[in-house]
Amino acid sequence: MKDYHINLFYSEEDEGYIADIPDLKYCSAFGRTPSEALEEVLKAKQAWLEAARANGKPIPAPRYRPAIYKVA
């Protein structure tokens, strides 16, 4: 099974790192370091999936891939 793509970037405005999962709407997290942001977004992903299951909401398949991975 494929897993969800995670974007990780530094935010000057927030003075820290942001991690997000594009396939899971509004699933993102903050960390002072890249590893902290990654750890937090994995927790957010788990909470997002549990909430969707508990509320009978659809769970999207992992589809997002950055442009550098797309086949022309």
N, C-alpha and C. Protein backbone atom coordinates (compact mmCIF):
# COMPACT_ATOMS: atom_id res chain seq x y z
N MET A 1 0.83 -1.18 0.00
CA MET A 1 0.00 0.00 0.00
C MET A 1 0.88 1.25 0.00
N LYS A 2 0.50 2.20 -0.80
CA LYS A 2 1.19 3.48 -0.80
C LYS A 2 0.76 4.26 0.43
N ASP A 3 1.64 5.12 0.89
CA ASP A 3 1.29 5.98 2.02
C ASP A 3 1.13 7.40 1.49
N TYR A 4 0.62 8.25 2.33
CA TYR A 4 0.40 9.64 1.96
C TYR A 4 1.70 10.43 1.85
N HIS A 5 1.76 11.29 0.84
CA HIS A 5 2.91 12.18 0.67
C HIS A 5 2.87 13.25 1.75
N ILE A 6 4.03 13.60 2.29
CA ILE A 6 4.14 14.65 3.29
C ILE A 6 5.04 15.75 2.74
N ASN A 7 4.52 16.97 2.75
CA ASN A 7 5.33 18.15 2.41
C ASN A 7 5.93 18.66 3.70
N LEU A 8 7.19 19.07 3.64
CA LEU A 8 7.87 19.61 4.82
C LEU A 8 8.67 20.82 4.38
N PHE A 9 8.41 21.96 5.02
CA PHE A 9 9.10 23.19 4.61
C PHE A 9 9.27 24.13 5.79
N TYR A 10 10.24 25.03 5.65
CA TYR A 10 10.48 26.02 6.68
C TYR A 10 9.60 27.24 6.42
N SER A 11 8.98 27.76 7.47
CA SER A 11 8.15 28.95 7.38
C SER A 11 8.84 30.09 8.11
N GLU A 12 9.27 31.09 7.34
CA GLU A 12 9.88 32.28 7.96
C GLU A 12 8.88 32.95 8.90
N GLU A 13 7.64 33.04 8.45
CA GLU A 13 6.59 33.70 9.23
C GLU A 13 6.38 33.04 10.59
N ASP A 14 6.38 31.71 10.60
CA ASP A 14 6.16 30.97 11.85
C ASP A 14 7.45 30.65 12.59
N GLU A 15 8.58 30.88 11.93
CA GLU A 15 9.89 30.59 12.50
C GLU A 15 10.01 29.14 12.95
N GLY A 16 9.58 28.27 12.06
CA GLY A 16 9.65 26.83 12.32
C GLY A 16 9.25 26.07 11.08
N TYR A 17 9.10 24.77 11.23
CA TYR A 17 8.82 23.89 10.10
C TYR A 17 7.34 23.50 10.09
N ILE A 18 6.80 23.42 8.89
CA ILE A 18 5.43 23.01 8.68
C ILE A 18 5.47 21.70 7.89
N ALA A 19 4.65 20.76 8.31
CA ALA A 19 4.47 19.52 7.57
C ALA A 19 2.98 19.39 7.27
N ASP A 20 2.66 19.01 6.05
CA ASP A 20 1.26 18.80 5.72
C ASP A 20 1.10 17.60 4.82
N ILE A 21 -0.13 17.08 4.79
CA ILE A 21 -0.47 15.93 3.96
C ILE A 21 -1.56 16.40 3.00
N PRO A 22 -1.20 16.70 1.74
CA PRO A 22 -2.16 17.28 0.80
C PRO A 22 -3.43 16.46 0.58
N ASP A 23 -3.34 15.15 0.64
CA ASP A 23 -4.51 14.30 0.41
C ASP A 23 -5.52 14.35 1.56
N LEU A 24 -5.08 14.78 2.74
CA LEU A 24 -5.96 14.85 3.90
C LEU A 24 -6.20 16.33 4.22
N LYS A 25 -7.33 16.83 3.81
CA LYS A 25 -7.64 18.25 3.92
C LYS A 25 -7.43 18.76 5.35
N TYR A 26 -6.67 19.84 5.46
CA TYR A 26 -6.36 20.52 6.73
C TYR A 26 -5.48 19.70 7.67
N CYS A 27 -4.83 18.67 7.19
CA CYS A 27 -3.95 17.87 8.05
C CYS A 27 -2.54 18.43 7.96
N SER A 28 -2.14 19.17 9.00
CA SER A 28 -0.81 19.78 9.03
C SER A 28 -0.33 19.91 10.46
N ALA A 29 0.95 20.21 10.61
CA ALA A 29 1.52 20.33 11.95
C ALA A 29 2.75 21.25 11.90
N PHE A 30 3.13 21.72 13.05
CA PHE A 30 4.26 22.63 13.22
C PHE A 30 5.32 21.97 14.11
N GLY A 31 6.56 22.31 13.85
CA GLY A 31 7.66 21.86 14.71
C GLY A 31 8.82 22.84 14.63
N ARG A 32 9.61 22.91 15.67
CA ARG A 32 10.80 23.77 15.67
C ARG A 32 11.90 23.20 14.79
N THR A 33 11.87 21.87 14.57
CA THR A 33 12.84 21.19 13.72
C THR A 33 12.08 20.36 12.68
N PRO A 34 12.74 19.97 11.59
CA PRO A 34 12.05 19.12 10.61
C PRO A 34 11.54 17.81 11.23
N SER A 35 12.35 17.20 12.07
CA SER A 35 11.92 15.92 12.66
C SER A 35 10.74 16.10 13.61
N GLU A 36 10.70 17.22 14.32
CA GLU A 36 9.57 17.48 15.21
C GLU A 36 8.29 17.71 14.40
N ALA A 37 8.39 18.45 13.29
CA ALA A 37 7.22 18.67 12.44
C ALA A 37 6.73 17.35 11.85
N LEU A 38 7.65 16.50 11.43
CA LEU A 38 7.27 15.20 10.89
C LEU A 38 6.58 14.35 11.94
N GLU A 39 7.15 14.30 13.13
CA GLU A 39 6.55 13.53 14.22
C GLU A 39 5.13 14.03 14.52
N GLU A 40 4.95 15.34 14.53
CA GLU A 40 3.64 15.91 14.83
C GLU A 40 2.63 15.66 13.71
N VAL A 41 3.06 15.73 12.45
CA VAL A 41 2.11 15.49 11.37
C VAL A 41 1.70 14.02 11.32
N LEU A 42 2.56 13.12 11.74
CA LEU A 42 2.17 11.70 11.79
C LEU A 42 1.10 11.48 12.86
N LYS A 43 1.20 12.21 13.96
CA LYS A 43 0.14 12.17 15.00
C LYS A 43 -1.15 12.75 14.44
N ALA A 44 -1.03 13.87 13.71
CA ALA A 44 -2.20 14.52 13.13
C ALA A 44 -2.88 13.60 12.11
N LYS A 45 -2.06 12.88 11.33
CA LYS A 45 -2.60 11.94 10.34
C LYS A 45 -3.42 10.85 11.03
N GLN A 46 -2.86 10.31 12.09
CA GLN A 46 -3.57 9.26 12.84
C GLN A 46 -4.90 9.78 13.39
N ALA A 47 -4.88 10.98 13.96
CA ALA A 47 -6.10 11.59 14.50
C ALA A 47 -7.11 11.87 13.38
N TRP A 48 -6.63 12.35 12.22
CA TRP A 48 -7.49 12.64 11.09
C TRP A 48 -8.20 11.37 10.63
N LEU A 49 -7.43 10.30 10.46
CA LEU A 49 -8.01 9.03 10.00
C LEU A 49 -8.98 8.45 11.02
N GLU A 50 -8.65 8.51 12.30
CA GLU A 50 -9.56 8.01 13.34
C GLU A 50 -10.86 8.80 13.37
N ALA A 51 -10.77 10.12 13.24
CA ALA A 51 -11.97 10.96 13.24
C ALA A 51 -12.85 10.66 12.02
N ALA A 52 -12.22 10.49 10.87
CA ALA A 52 -12.99 10.18 9.65
C ALA A 52 -13.71 8.84 9.80
N ARG A 53 -13.01 7.83 10.31
CA ARG A 53 -13.64 6.52 10.51
C ARG A 53 -14.79 6.61 11.51
N ALA A 54 -14.56 7.30 12.61
CA ALA A 54 -15.57 7.41 13.68
C ALA A 54 -16.83 8.13 13.19
N ASN A 55 -16.66 9.03 12.22
CA ASN A 55 -17.80 9.81 11.73
C ASN A 55 -18.32 9.33 10.37
N GLY A 56 -17.82 8.18 9.92
CA GLY A 56 -18.28 7.62 8.65
C GLY A 56 -17.93 8.45 7.44
N LYS A 57 -16.87 9.22 7.53
CA LYS A 57 -16.43 10.07 6.42
C LYS A 57 -15.52 9.27 5.49
N PRO A 58 -15.53 9.60 4.21
CA PRO A 58 -14.64 8.89 3.27
C PRO A 58 -13.17 9.21 3.54
N ILE A 59 -12.33 8.21 3.35
CA ILE A 59 -10.89 8.38 3.50
C ILE A 59 -10.28 8.31 2.11
N PRO A 60 -9.68 9.43 1.67
CA PRO A 60 -9.12 9.44 0.32
C PRO A 60 -7.91 8.51 0.18
N ALA A 61 -7.80 7.94 -1.00
CA ALA A 61 -6.61 7.13 -1.30
C ALA A 61 -5.42 8.05 -1.47
N PRO A 62 -4.22 7.57 -1.16
CA PRO A 62 -3.03 8.39 -1.40
C PRO A 62 -2.84 8.62 -2.90
N ARG A 63 -2.90 9.87 -3.33
CA ARG A 63 -2.78 10.17 -4.75
C ARG A 63 -1.78 11.27 -5.04
N TYR A 64 -1.64 12.22 -4.13
CA TYR A 64 -0.80 13.39 -4.39
C TYR A 64 0.66 12.99 -4.58
N ARG A 65 1.26 13.51 -5.63
CA ARG A 65 2.69 13.37 -5.86
C ARG A 65 3.18 14.71 -6.41
N PRO A 66 4.29 15.21 -5.91
CA PRO A 66 4.84 16.46 -6.43
C PRO A 66 5.11 16.34 -7.93
N ALA A 67 5.16 17.47 -8.60
CA ALA A 67 5.35 17.49 -10.05
C ALA A 67 6.61 16.75 -10.49
N ILE A 68 7.64 16.72 -9.67
CA ILE A 68 8.88 16.05 -10.08
C ILE A 68 8.70 14.53 -10.22
N TYR A 69 7.63 13.97 -9.66
CA TYR A 69 7.38 12.53 -9.75
C TYR A 69 6.36 12.17 -10.81
N LYS A 70 5.76 13.14 -11.45
CA LYS A 70 4.71 12.87 -12.43
C LYS A 70 5.34 12.44 -13.75
N VAL A 71 4.69 11.47 -14.36
CA VAL A 71 5.14 10.96 -15.66
C VAL A 71 4.50 11.81 -16.75
N ALA A 72 5.31 12.24 -17.68
CA ALA A 72 4.80 13.10 -18.77
C ALA A 72 4.10 12.29 -19.82
